Protein backbone atom coordinates (compact mmCIF):
# COMPACT_ATOMS: atom_id res chain seq x y z
CA UNK A 1 5.76 49.00 -0.59
CA UNK A 2 8.16 50.37 -3.30
CA UNK A 3 7.04 49.04 -6.79
CA UNK A 4 9.52 46.88 -8.55
CA UNK A 5 11.56 49.22 -11.02
CA UNK A 6 10.52 47.13 -14.43
CA UNK A 7 12.77 49.51 -16.27
CA UNK A 8 15.62 47.86 -14.80
CA UNK A 9 14.37 44.27 -14.22
CA UNK A 10 12.89 43.96 -17.77
CA UNK A 11 15.46 43.95 -20.78
CA UNK A 12 15.11 45.89 -23.94
CA UNK A 13 14.14 42.67 -26.03
CA UNK A 14 11.32 41.77 -23.44
CA UNK A 15 10.07 45.42 -23.27
CA UNK A 16 9.73 45.05 -27.13
CA UNK A 17 7.63 41.88 -26.66
CA UNK A 18 5.39 43.59 -24.20
CA UNK A 19 4.85 46.55 -26.46
CA UNK A 20 3.99 44.28 -29.41
CA UNK A 21 1.71 42.44 -27.14
CA UNK A 22 -0.01 45.60 -25.87
CA UNK A 23 -0.51 46.74 -29.48
CA UNK A 24 -2.99 43.90 -30.08
CA UNK A 25 -4.11 42.84 -26.36
CA UNK A 26 -4.65 46.12 -24.52
CA UNK A 27 -4.01 46.00 -20.75
CA UNK A 28 -7.90 46.63 -19.92
CA UNK A 29 -8.82 43.58 -22.18
CA UNK A 30 -10.23 41.75 -19.07
CA UNK A 31 -12.73 44.44 -18.51
CA UNK A 32 -14.39 43.52 -22.09
CA UNK A 33 -16.89 40.97 -22.88
CA UNK A 34 -15.82 37.27 -23.14
CA UNK A 35 -16.29 37.44 -26.68
CA UNK A 36 -14.08 40.22 -27.29
CA UNK A 37 -11.65 38.90 -24.98
CA UNK A 38 -11.60 35.79 -27.20
CA UNK A 39 -11.24 37.45 -30.46
CA UNK A 40 -8.69 39.99 -29.18
CA UNK A 41 -6.58 36.96 -27.53
CA UNK A 42 -6.68 35.05 -31.02
CA UNK A 43 -5.39 38.06 -32.91
CA UNK A 44 -2.74 38.82 -30.31
CA UNK A 45 -1.55 34.90 -30.48
CA UNK A 46 -1.60 35.17 -34.20
CA UNK A 47 0.77 37.91 -34.37
CA UNK A 48 3.41 35.78 -32.81
CA UNK A 49 2.57 32.70 -35.00
CA UNK A 50 5.94 31.10 -36.38
CA UNK A 51 6.31 28.31 -39.05
CA UNK A 52 6.26 24.57 -38.10
CA UNK A 53 9.91 23.22 -37.53
CA UNK A 54 10.73 21.00 -40.50
CA UNK A 55 9.19 17.61 -40.35
CA UNK A 56 6.41 18.66 -37.91
CA UNK A 57 2.74 18.10 -38.96
CA UNK A 58 -0.53 18.04 -37.12
CA UNK A 59 -4.14 16.88 -37.34
CA UNK A 60 -7.20 17.32 -35.17
CA UNK A 61 -8.83 14.29 -33.62
CA UNK A 62 -10.90 13.99 -30.39
CA UNK A 63 -9.57 12.21 -27.49
CA UNK A 64 -11.80 11.04 -24.70
CA UNK A 65 -14.69 13.35 -26.44
CA UNK A 66 -12.45 16.33 -26.00
CA UNK A 67 -11.21 18.01 -29.09
CA UNK A 68 -7.62 17.75 -29.57
CA UNK A 69 -4.46 18.69 -31.88
CA UNK A 70 -2.01 15.83 -32.46
CA UNK A 71 1.69 16.29 -33.21
CA UNK A 72 2.87 13.03 -34.36
CA UNK A 73 6.35 11.89 -33.06
CA UNK A 74 7.95 9.39 -30.64
CA UNK A 75 6.84 8.26 -27.37
CA UNK A 76 6.11 9.31 -24.43
CA UNK A 77 3.43 11.42 -25.48
CA UNK A 78 3.31 15.17 -24.15
CA UNK A 79 -0.17 16.60 -23.21
CA UNK A 80 -0.02 20.37 -23.55
CA UNK A 81 -2.64 22.34 -21.75
CA UNK A 82 -2.87 26.00 -23.05
CA UNK A 83 -2.92 29.12 -21.02
CA UNK A 84 -5.70 31.75 -21.03
CA UNK A 85 -7.01 32.21 -17.60
CA UNK A 86 -9.75 29.27 -18.23
CA UNK A 87 -11.54 32.01 -20.48
CA UNK A 88 -9.47 32.32 -23.79
CA UNK A 89 -7.09 30.15 -26.01
CA UNK A 90 -7.67 26.99 -27.75
CA UNK A 91 -5.86 24.81 -30.40
CA UNK A 92 -4.92 27.72 -32.45
CA UNK A 93 -3.44 29.94 -29.76
CA UNK A 94 -0.64 27.67 -28.57
CA UNK A 95 -0.23 25.88 -31.98
CA UNK A 96 3.26 27.47 -32.59
CA UNK A 97 4.61 26.44 -28.88
CA UNK A 98 3.29 22.84 -29.53
CA UNK A 99 4.73 22.53 -32.79
CA UNK A 100 8.15 23.73 -31.51
CA UNK A 101 8.12 21.43 -28.39
CA UNK A 102 7.50 18.44 -31.20
CA UNK A 103 10.26 19.90 -33.06
CA UNK A 104 12.85 20.33 -30.28
CA UNK A 105 12.05 17.18 -28.24
CA UNK A 106 10.90 14.61 -31.28
CA UNK A 107 8.10 13.48 -28.95
CA UNK A 108 4.40 13.07 -29.67
CA UNK A 109 2.39 16.37 -28.65
CA UNK A 110 -1.37 16.59 -28.15
CA UNK A 111 -2.96 19.68 -27.25
CA UNK A 112 -6.31 19.64 -25.70
CA UNK A 113 -9.27 22.10 -26.21
CA UNK A 114 -10.72 21.91 -22.93
CA UNK A 115 -13.90 23.61 -22.11
CA UNK A 116 -13.82 27.18 -20.98
CA UNK A 117 -15.43 29.69 -18.55
CA UNK A 118 -17.71 31.13 -18.13
CA UNK A 119 -20.03 28.80 -20.26
CA UNK A 120 -18.23 25.79 -18.57
CA UNK A 121 -17.62 26.50 -15.17
CA UNK A 122 -15.13 24.35 -12.91
CA UNK A 123 -14.76 21.67 -12.98
CA UNK A 124 -15.38 21.34 -16.91
CA UNK A 125 -11.68 21.98 -17.67
CA UNK A 126 -10.35 19.89 -14.87
CA UNK A 127 -12.52 17.04 -16.21
CA UNK A 128 -11.55 17.26 -19.59
CA UNK A 129 -7.68 17.55 -18.65
CA UNK A 130 -8.10 14.29 -16.55
CA UNK A 131 -9.92 12.50 -19.29
CA UNK A 132 -7.43 13.27 -21.84
CA UNK A 133 -4.60 12.55 -19.40
CA UNK A 134 -6.15 9.08 -18.50
CA UNK A 135 -7.01 8.26 -22.20
CA UNK A 136 -3.27 9.02 -23.35
CA UNK A 137 -1.81 7.03 -20.27
CA UNK A 138 -3.69 4.02 -21.00
CA UNK A 139 -1.79 3.98 -24.55
CA UNK A 140 1.68 4.58 -22.80
CA UNK A 141 4.11 6.97 -21.01
CA UNK A 142 2.86 10.58 -20.72
CA UNK A 143 4.38 13.99 -19.59
CA UNK A 144 1.95 16.87 -18.71
CA UNK A 145 3.06 20.23 -19.48
CA UNK A 146 0.90 23.56 -19.27
CA UNK A 147 1.30 27.51 -18.93
CA UNK A 148 -0.63 29.54 -16.72
CA UNK A 149 -4.19 28.14 -16.65
CA UNK A 150 -2.91 25.27 -18.34
CA UNK A 151 -0.29 24.57 -15.77
CA UNK A 152 -2.94 24.83 -13.10
CA UNK A 153 -4.62 22.01 -14.74
CA UNK A 154 -1.77 19.75 -15.50
CA UNK A 155 -0.96 19.92 -11.54
CA UNK A 156 -4.43 19.36 -10.89
CA UNK A 157 -4.59 16.23 -13.20
CA UNK A 158 -1.36 14.90 -11.78
CA UNK A 159 -2.78 15.15 -8.10
CA UNK A 160 -5.80 13.43 -9.24
CA UNK A 161 -4.03 10.72 -11.12
CA UNK A 162 -1.17 10.40 -8.52
CA UNK A 163 0.93 7.48 -8.40
CA UNK A 164 0.24 6.22 -12.12
CA UNK A 165 3.66 5.05 -13.06
CA UNK A 166 2.81 5.93 -16.55
CA UNK A 167 3.15 9.74 -15.78
CA UNK A 168 6.69 10.21 -16.44
CA UNK A 169 6.63 14.05 -15.30
CA UNK A 170 5.09 17.40 -15.32
CA UNK A 171 6.42 20.90 -16.53
CA UNK A 172 4.25 23.92 -15.23
CA UNK A 173 5.19 27.31 -16.69
CA UNK A 174 4.23 30.60 -14.72
CA UNK A 175 1.51 28.43 -13.26
CA UNK A 176 -1.24 30.03 -10.95
CA UNK A 177 -1.66 27.19 -8.34
CA UNK A 178 -3.65 29.07 -5.63
CA UNK A 179 -1.17 30.94 -3.50
CA UNK A 180 -2.26 33.50 -0.94
CA UNK A 181 -3.30 36.51 -2.97
CA UNK A 182 -2.61 39.04 -0.20
CA UNK A 183 1.29 37.95 0.43
CA UNK A 184 4.45 37.91 -1.39
CA UNK A 185 4.64 38.16 -5.29
CA UNK A 186 0.76 38.89 -5.71
CA UNK A 187 1.37 42.12 -3.73
CA UNK A 188 5.22 42.77 -4.98
CA UNK A 189 4.13 42.51 -8.68
CA UNK A 190 0.26 43.41 -8.34
CA UNK A 191 0.95 45.59 -11.18
CA UNK A 192 3.52 43.74 -13.29
CA UNK A 193 3.47 44.19 -17.17
CA UNK A 194 1.57 41.60 -18.98
CA UNK A 195 -0.56 40.15 -15.97
CA UNK A 196 -1.86 41.97 -12.91
CA UNK A 197 -3.20 41.02 -9.58
CA UNK A 198 -6.53 42.32 -10.81
CA UNK A 199 -6.34 40.29 -13.95
CA UNK A 200 -5.89 37.05 -11.44
CA UNK A 201 -8.81 38.02 -9.47
CA UNK A 202 -11.03 38.15 -12.57
CA UNK A 203 -9.82 34.91 -13.99
CA UNK A 204 -10.37 33.34 -10.56
CA UNK A 205 -13.83 34.45 -10.21
CA UNK A 206 -15.09 33.89 -13.71
CA UNK A 207 -13.97 30.09 -13.37
CA UNK A 208 -16.69 29.36 -11.03
CA UNK A 209 -20.65 29.88 -11.19
CA UNK A 210 -20.40 31.24 -7.66
CA UNK A 211 -17.56 32.29 -5.15
CA UNK A 212 -14.17 30.05 -5.75
CA UNK A 213 -14.02 27.18 -3.33
CA UNK A 214 -11.46 27.31 -0.87
CA UNK A 215 -8.92 24.63 -0.32
CA UNK A 216 -10.33 22.56 -3.15
CA UNK A 217 -7.11 20.88 -4.64
CA UNK A 218 -8.89 20.36 -8.17
CA UNK A 219 -8.94 24.14 -8.06
CA UNK A 220 -5.98 25.12 -6.27
CA UNK A 221 -3.16 22.34 -6.40
CA UNK A 222 -1.09 24.49 -3.58
CA UNK A 223 -4.16 23.78 -1.11
CA UNK A 224 -3.87 20.14 -1.08
CA UNK A 225 -2.89 18.31 1.79
CA UNK A 226 -1.20 15.63 0.42
CA UNK A 227 1.94 16.07 -2.19
CA UNK A 228 3.06 12.40 -2.12
CA UNK A 229 3.25 10.10 -5.14
CA UNK A 230 3.37 13.06 -7.63
CA UNK A 231 5.93 12.75 -10.84
CA UNK A 232 9.09 14.39 -11.07
CA UNK A 233 8.05 18.04 -11.65
CA UNK A 234 9.85 21.37 -13.12
CA UNK A 235 8.07 24.58 -12.04
CA UNK A 236 9.17 27.63 -13.91
CA UNK A 237 8.21 31.13 -12.62
CA UNK A 238 8.50 34.46 -14.52
CA UNK A 239 10.06 36.88 -11.96
CA UNK A 240 7.73 39.89 -13.05
CA UNK A 241 4.58 38.09 -12.43
CA UNK A 242 2.03 38.16 -9.38
CA UNK A 243 2.04 34.41 -9.86
CA UNK A 244 5.78 34.32 -9.34
CA UNK A 245 5.77 32.68 -5.70
CA UNK A 246 3.41 29.65 -6.69
CA UNK A 247 6.02 27.57 -8.74
CA UNK A 248 8.54 27.73 -5.92
CA UNK A 249 6.20 27.08 -3.34
CA UNK A 250 4.58 24.10 -5.04
CA UNK A 251 7.94 22.48 -5.54
CA UNK A 252 9.00 22.82 -2.11
CA UNK A 253 5.94 21.01 -0.97
CA UNK A 254 6.68 17.86 -3.25
CA UNK A 255 10.38 17.89 -2.02
CA UNK A 256 9.03 18.02 1.55
CA UNK A 257 6.73 15.05 0.84
CA UNK A 258 9.88 13.13 -0.51
CA UNK A 259 9.23 13.70 -4.18
CA UNK A 260 11.41 14.99 -6.96
CA UNK A 261 10.71 18.79 -7.88
CA UNK A 262 12.80 21.47 -9.18
CA UNK A 263 11.73 25.36 -9.29
CA UNK A 264 13.21 27.99 -11.53
CA UNK A 265 12.47 31.75 -11.34
CA UNK A 266 13.52 33.33 -14.87
CA UNK A 267 15.04 36.67 -14.15
CA UNK A 268 13.59 39.52 -15.83
CA UNK A 269 10.76 37.71 -17.56
CA UNK A 270 6.87 38.32 -17.64
CA UNK A 271 3.89 36.26 -17.80
CA UNK A 272 3.04 35.07 -21.33
CA UNK A 273 6.82 34.97 -22.32
CA UNK A 274 6.45 31.75 -24.19
CA UNK A 275 5.28 33.94 -27.11
CA UNK A 276 8.66 35.68 -27.22
CA UNK A 277 10.71 32.32 -27.39
CA UNK A 278 11.91 33.19 -31.01
CA UNK A 279 12.45 36.93 -30.23
CA UNK A 280 13.90 37.49 -26.76
CA UNK A 281 17.16 35.68 -25.67
CA UNK A 282 15.83 34.96 -22.15
CA UNK A 283 12.71 33.49 -23.11
CA UNK A 284 14.54 31.42 -25.74
CA UNK A 285 17.10 30.22 -23.14
CA UNK A 286 13.90 29.35 -20.86
CA UNK A 287 12.15 27.45 -23.64
CA UNK A 288 15.37 25.44 -24.22
CA UNK A 289 15.26 24.37 -20.71
CA UNK A 290 11.77 23.57 -20.99
CA UNK A 291 12.48 21.11 -23.88
CA UNK A 292 15.50 19.85 -22.43
CA UNK A 293 13.52 18.76 -19.06
CA UNK A 294 10.85 17.30 -21.00
CA UNK A 295 13.30 15.14 -22.98
CA UNK A 296 14.90 14.19 -19.60
CA UNK A 297 11.62 13.10 -18.12
CA UNK A 298 10.86 11.07 -21.36
CA UNK A 299 14.21 9.32 -20.67
CA UNK A 300 13.63 8.85 -17.00
CA UNK A 301 16.78 11.11 -16.19
CA UNK A 302 16.82 13.06 -12.84
CA UNK A 303 18.14 15.48 -12.21
CA UNK A 304 18.21 17.19 -15.40
C-alpha cells in the first residue's frame, strides 16, 4: 500500500497548525504516563486558547452529579462532549470551542466533565453523558455535539435515548464509532499526522479494565443492530485521519434505517482540527458548517 502524500493533501496553514501542536504535544505522548499525558494535553490546548466572543459568559455547576460548564443562551441547549481518547481533556480543554459555538449560534451550551479512563473505565463516561443528556432533555429540547471520543459518547447517548422527541439532533466531529480497524481509513491513514492507528488502539484498550467488548453499541455505536429512531445527524470526518470512514459509515446506516443523516469528509484536514478553527481557512469553514447545522437543528430545519 502506498502511503498518502500528506505534503500534497495537507495545505500550508494546516501544516503550521500541526507543527504548533507537535511543539507542545509530541507524537509519542500516548506512550507516557497518564498524568504526563493530561498535563501535556492541557498545555497544548491552552496554546490555542482564544478570547470568548463578545457577550459570552460561563459558569460551572453540576448537572445530574456531573461537573459541567454552562454558557447561557437561548434554547435548545447544546450538550458538548469533549474529545481526548476518554483519557484526557475536560472543561478547560474545549472551553474556547464551546464559547465559540455559543457565540455563533446564540444557544445555551453545556460542556460535561465526564469521568475519564483508566481510573473510571467504561461505562463511566457513557453513564455520565447519558445522565446529563437526560437531565437537560427533561428541561427542554437538546442537541448533542461532540468531537472524537466525545462524538462517540454523543452517538452512544443518542442510541440509548432513541425516540425522545426532545433530542433535536446530533453533530459528530471526527468521531470514532467502532469501525473495522483492519480496513479502509484505519489502514490507509494508519500514520496520519495528529492521530495514528496505534494511538486509536491505545485509547481503545485503555478505556476498558479488560479486553474491549465486541459488538457493544455503548462502546461502538457502529456495531448496533438498530439505527431507527435516531435524531437528524451530521457526521463530519477529517480526510487525513484513521477514523475518517466511521462518519460516512454511520450516516449511511441511519439513512438505510429511514432516518435523516448527512456525512461530510473535510478535504486535507486532520484529527483535532477544531483547535485550528481561527487560524486555518479549511478548519474555519468546517466550523462554520458545524455551527450552521446546529442552528438548523435548533430550528427543526432539514436539510441544512
